[in-house]
N, C-alpha and C. Protein backbone atom coordinates (compact mmCIF):
# COMPACT_ATOMS: atom_id res chain seq x y z
N UNK A 1 33.22 -65.00 -26.58
CA UNK A 1 33.88 -65.90 -25.36
C UNK A 1 32.56 -65.79 -23.99
N UNK A 2 32.14 -66.67 -23.90
CA UNK A 2 31.08 -67.37 -22.90
C UNK A 2 31.37 -66.92 -21.28
N UNK A 3 30.07 -66.31 -20.77
CA UNK A 3 31.17 -66.39 -19.09
C UNK A 3 30.89 -67.57 -18.31
N UNK A 4 31.31 -67.44 -17.12
CA UNK A 4 31.42 -68.02 -16.56
C UNK A 4 29.90 -68.72 -15.80
N UNK A 5 29.15 -67.90 -15.86
CA UNK A 5 27.61 -67.94 -15.44
C UNK A 5 27.04 -68.59 -16.81
N UNK A 6 27.67 -68.23 -17.79
CA UNK A 6 26.72 -69.28 -19.17
C UNK A 6 27.01 -70.45 -18.80
N UNK A 7 28.45 -70.97 -18.96
CA UNK A 7 29.16 -72.11 -18.95
C UNK A 7 28.84 -73.01 -17.31
N UNK A 8 28.26 -72.65 -16.75
CA UNK A 8 27.81 -72.61 -15.43
C UNK A 8 26.46 -73.50 -15.60
N UNK A 9 25.75 -72.81 -16.09
CA UNK A 9 24.09 -72.86 -16.95
C UNK A 9 24.06 -74.08 -17.54
N UNK A 10 25.01 -73.79 -18.53
CA UNK A 10 24.90 -74.86 -19.23
C UNK A 10 25.33 -76.51 -18.56
N UNK A 11 26.09 -76.50 -17.68
CA UNK A 11 26.48 -78.40 -17.27
C UNK A 11 25.49 -77.88 -16.17
N UNK A 12 24.84 -77.20 -15.50
CA UNK A 12 23.94 -77.49 -14.38
C UNK A 12 22.54 -78.36 -15.40
N UNK A 13 22.04 -77.77 -16.51
CA UNK A 13 21.00 -78.11 -17.25
C UNK A 13 21.50 -79.21 -17.92
N UNK A 14 22.92 -80.15 -18.60
CA UNK A 14 23.06 -81.50 -19.11
C UNK A 14 23.84 -82.49 -18.12
N UNK A 15 23.62 -81.95 -17.16
CA UNK A 15 24.56 -82.69 -15.72
C UNK A 15 23.65 -82.92 -14.87
N UNK A 16 23.56 -81.63 -14.37
CA UNK A 16 22.43 -81.67 -12.95
C UNK A 16 23.88 -81.47 -11.40
N UNK A 17 24.45 -80.33 -11.81
CA UNK A 17 25.27 -79.81 -10.76
C UNK A 17 26.35 -78.53 -11.50
N UNK A 18 26.44 -77.92 -10.65
CA UNK A 18 27.10 -76.46 -10.97
C UNK A 18 28.29 -76.49 -10.85
N UNK A 19 29.33 -76.50 -11.15
CA UNK A 19 30.20 -76.63 -11.23
C UNK A 19 31.03 -75.15 -10.51
N UNK A 20 32.01 -74.47 -9.89
CA UNK A 20 32.66 -73.48 -8.98
C UNK A 20 33.49 -73.10 -10.66
N UNK A 21 33.62 -71.33 -10.02
CA UNK A 21 33.97 -70.72 -11.49
C UNK A 21 35.82 -70.97 -10.95
N UNK A 22 35.92 -71.55 -10.18
CA UNK A 22 38.11 -71.99 -9.82
C UNK A 22 37.86 -72.92 -10.77
N UNK A 23 37.04 -73.87 -10.86
CA UNK A 23 36.72 -75.04 -11.92
C UNK A 23 37.28 -74.47 -13.18
N UNK A 24 35.97 -73.75 -13.35
CA UNK A 24 36.15 -73.49 -15.04
C UNK A 24 37.51 -72.92 -15.41
N UNK A 25 38.14 -71.81 -14.44
CA UNK A 25 39.06 -71.37 -14.37
C UNK A 25 40.40 -72.15 -15.03
N UNK A 26 40.58 -73.30 -13.99
CA UNK A 26 41.69 -74.71 -13.95
C UNK A 26 41.46 -75.05 -15.18
N UNK A 27 39.79 -75.41 -15.48
CA UNK A 27 40.45 -76.29 -16.74
C UNK A 27 40.16 -75.52 -18.05
N UNK A 28 40.25 -74.08 -18.31
CA UNK A 28 40.69 -73.31 -19.55
C UNK A 28 41.94 -73.54 -19.67
N UNK A 29 42.52 -73.55 -17.89
CA UNK A 29 43.95 -73.64 -18.37
C UNK A 29 44.60 -74.09 -18.67
N UNK A 30 43.79 -75.74 -18.26
CA UNK A 30 44.46 -76.99 -19.37
C UNK A 30 44.13 -77.58 -20.52
N UNK A 31 42.84 -76.38 -21.10
CA UNK A 31 42.56 -76.06 -22.74
C UNK A 31 43.41 -75.64 -23.53
N UNK A 32 43.99 -74.65 -22.66
CA UNK A 32 44.64 -73.74 -22.78
C UNK A 32 44.54 -72.12 -23.56
N UNK A 33 43.09 -72.23 -22.66
CA UNK A 33 42.09 -71.25 -22.95
C UNK A 33 42.93 -69.77 -22.35
N UNK A 34 43.05 -68.22 -22.97
CA UNK A 34 43.46 -67.64 -21.85
C UNK A 34 42.49 -67.39 -20.87
N UNK A 35 43.15 -67.18 -19.06
CA UNK A 35 43.03 -67.03 -18.04
C UNK A 35 43.38 -65.54 -17.65
N UNK A 36 42.54 -64.99 -17.10
CA UNK A 36 42.78 -63.45 -16.33
C UNK A 36 42.78 -64.04 -14.67
N UNK A 37 44.82 -63.84 -14.47
CA UNK A 37 44.39 -63.76 -13.24
C UNK A 37 43.79 -63.11 -11.67
N UNK A 38 42.97 -63.53 -10.77
CA UNK A 38 42.46 -63.17 -10.08
C UNK A 38 42.85 -62.42 -9.09
N UNK A 39 43.10 -61.21 -8.38
CA UNK A 39 43.42 -60.60 -7.45
C UNK A 39 43.29 -60.81 -6.15
N UNK A 40 42.48 -62.12 -6.07
CA UNK A 40 42.13 -62.65 -5.23
C UNK A 40 42.86 -63.98 -5.01
N UNK A 41 43.40 -63.92 -5.56
CA UNK A 41 44.32 -65.66 -5.82
C UNK A 41 45.56 -65.22 -4.89
N UNK A 42 45.73 -66.65 -4.46
CA UNK A 42 47.02 -66.31 -3.51
C UNK A 42 48.05 -66.90 -3.57
N UNK A 43 48.34 -67.60 -4.61
CA UNK A 43 49.02 -69.11 -4.74
C UNK A 43 48.63 -70.23 -4.99
N UNK A 44 48.37 -71.02 -4.47
CA UNK A 44 47.61 -72.16 -4.26
C UNK A 44 46.14 -72.31 -4.69
N UNK A 45 45.29 -73.24 -5.34
CA UNK A 45 44.49 -73.36 -5.21
C UNK A 45 43.67 -74.02 -4.42
N UNK A 46 42.09 -73.06 -4.07
CA UNK A 46 42.05 -73.72 -2.78
C UNK A 46 40.82 -74.66 -2.80
N UNK A 47 40.19 -74.93 -4.24
CA UNK A 47 39.43 -76.20 -3.89
C UNK A 47 39.93 -76.95 -5.27
N UNK A 48 40.24 -78.21 -4.56
CA UNK A 48 41.12 -78.82 -6.05
C UNK A 48 40.06 -79.55 -6.98
N UNK A 49 40.46 -79.64 -8.33
CA UNK A 49 39.27 -79.80 -9.32
C UNK A 49 39.41 -80.83 -9.39
N UNK A 50 37.47 -81.48 -9.20
CA UNK A 50 37.99 -82.83 -9.66
C UNK A 50 37.71 -83.30 -10.90
N UNK A 51 38.55 -84.12 -12.03
CA UNK A 51 39.05 -84.54 -12.97
C UNK A 51 38.22 -85.52 -13.19
N UNK A 52 37.20 -86.21 -13.00
CA UNK A 52 35.97 -86.37 -13.69
C UNK A 52 35.30 -85.23 -13.94
N UNK A 53 34.84 -84.23 -14.24
CA UNK A 53 34.01 -82.67 -14.69
C UNK A 53 34.98 -82.01 -15.37
N UNK A 54 36.62 -82.41 -16.12
CA UNK A 54 36.34 -81.63 -16.90
C UNK A 54 36.07 -82.09 -17.84
N UNK A 55 35.43 -83.45 -18.42
CA UNK A 55 35.22 -83.33 -20.17
C UNK A 55 33.54 -82.69 -20.16
N UNK A 56 33.11 -82.39 -19.14
CA UNK A 56 31.71 -81.74 -18.80
C UNK A 56 31.91 -79.92 -18.87
N UNK A 57 32.70 -79.74 -18.49
CA UNK A 57 33.17 -78.51 -19.04
C UNK A 57 34.15 -78.10 -20.52
N UNK A 58 34.41 -79.28 -20.79
CA UNK A 58 35.15 -78.74 -22.33
C UNK A 58 33.89 -78.99 -22.44
N UNK A 59 33.17 -79.62 -22.89
CA UNK A 59 31.96 -79.81 -23.48
C UNK A 59 31.24 -78.91 -23.62
N UNK A 60 30.95 -77.86 -22.27
CA UNK A 60 30.67 -76.10 -22.47
C UNK A 60 31.10 -75.63 -23.96
N UNK A 61 32.60 -75.76 -23.17
CA UNK A 61 33.41 -74.49 -23.84
C UNK A 61 33.35 -74.89 -25.54
N UNK A 62 33.31 -76.01 -25.79
CA UNK A 62 33.07 -76.79 -27.87
C UNK A 62 31.71 -76.02 -28.06
N UNK A 63 30.45 -76.11 -27.10
CA UNK A 63 29.69 -75.17 -27.47
C UNK A 63 29.22 -74.07 -27.34
N UNK A 64 29.62 -73.49 -27.09
CA UNK A 64 30.31 -72.51 -26.94
C UNK A 64 31.69 -71.80 -27.97
N UNK A 65 32.26 -72.22 -28.41
CA UNK A 65 33.07 -72.63 -29.36
C UNK A 65 34.41 -71.82 -28.78
N UNK A 66 35.07 -72.17 -27.78
CA UNK A 66 35.90 -71.50 -26.97
C UNK A 66 37.14 -72.30 -27.83
N UNK A 67 37.02 -73.82 -27.94
CA UNK A 67 37.96 -74.43 -28.24
C UNK A 67 38.25 -74.59 -29.88
């Protein structure tokens, strides 16, 4: 399984922005990929996930054979 940094680098090179790690975690949940719960998470997500970025992160998941 790819690390968050690897996914961020893939998206940065291909789409010219760096996704936040919380966006990647949310995309994993939406895609059915297991995610560990962060001990710092207090309930609600602090940064809303931009839906238009989901496809880019999912393409990274496919690239790293996570889906």
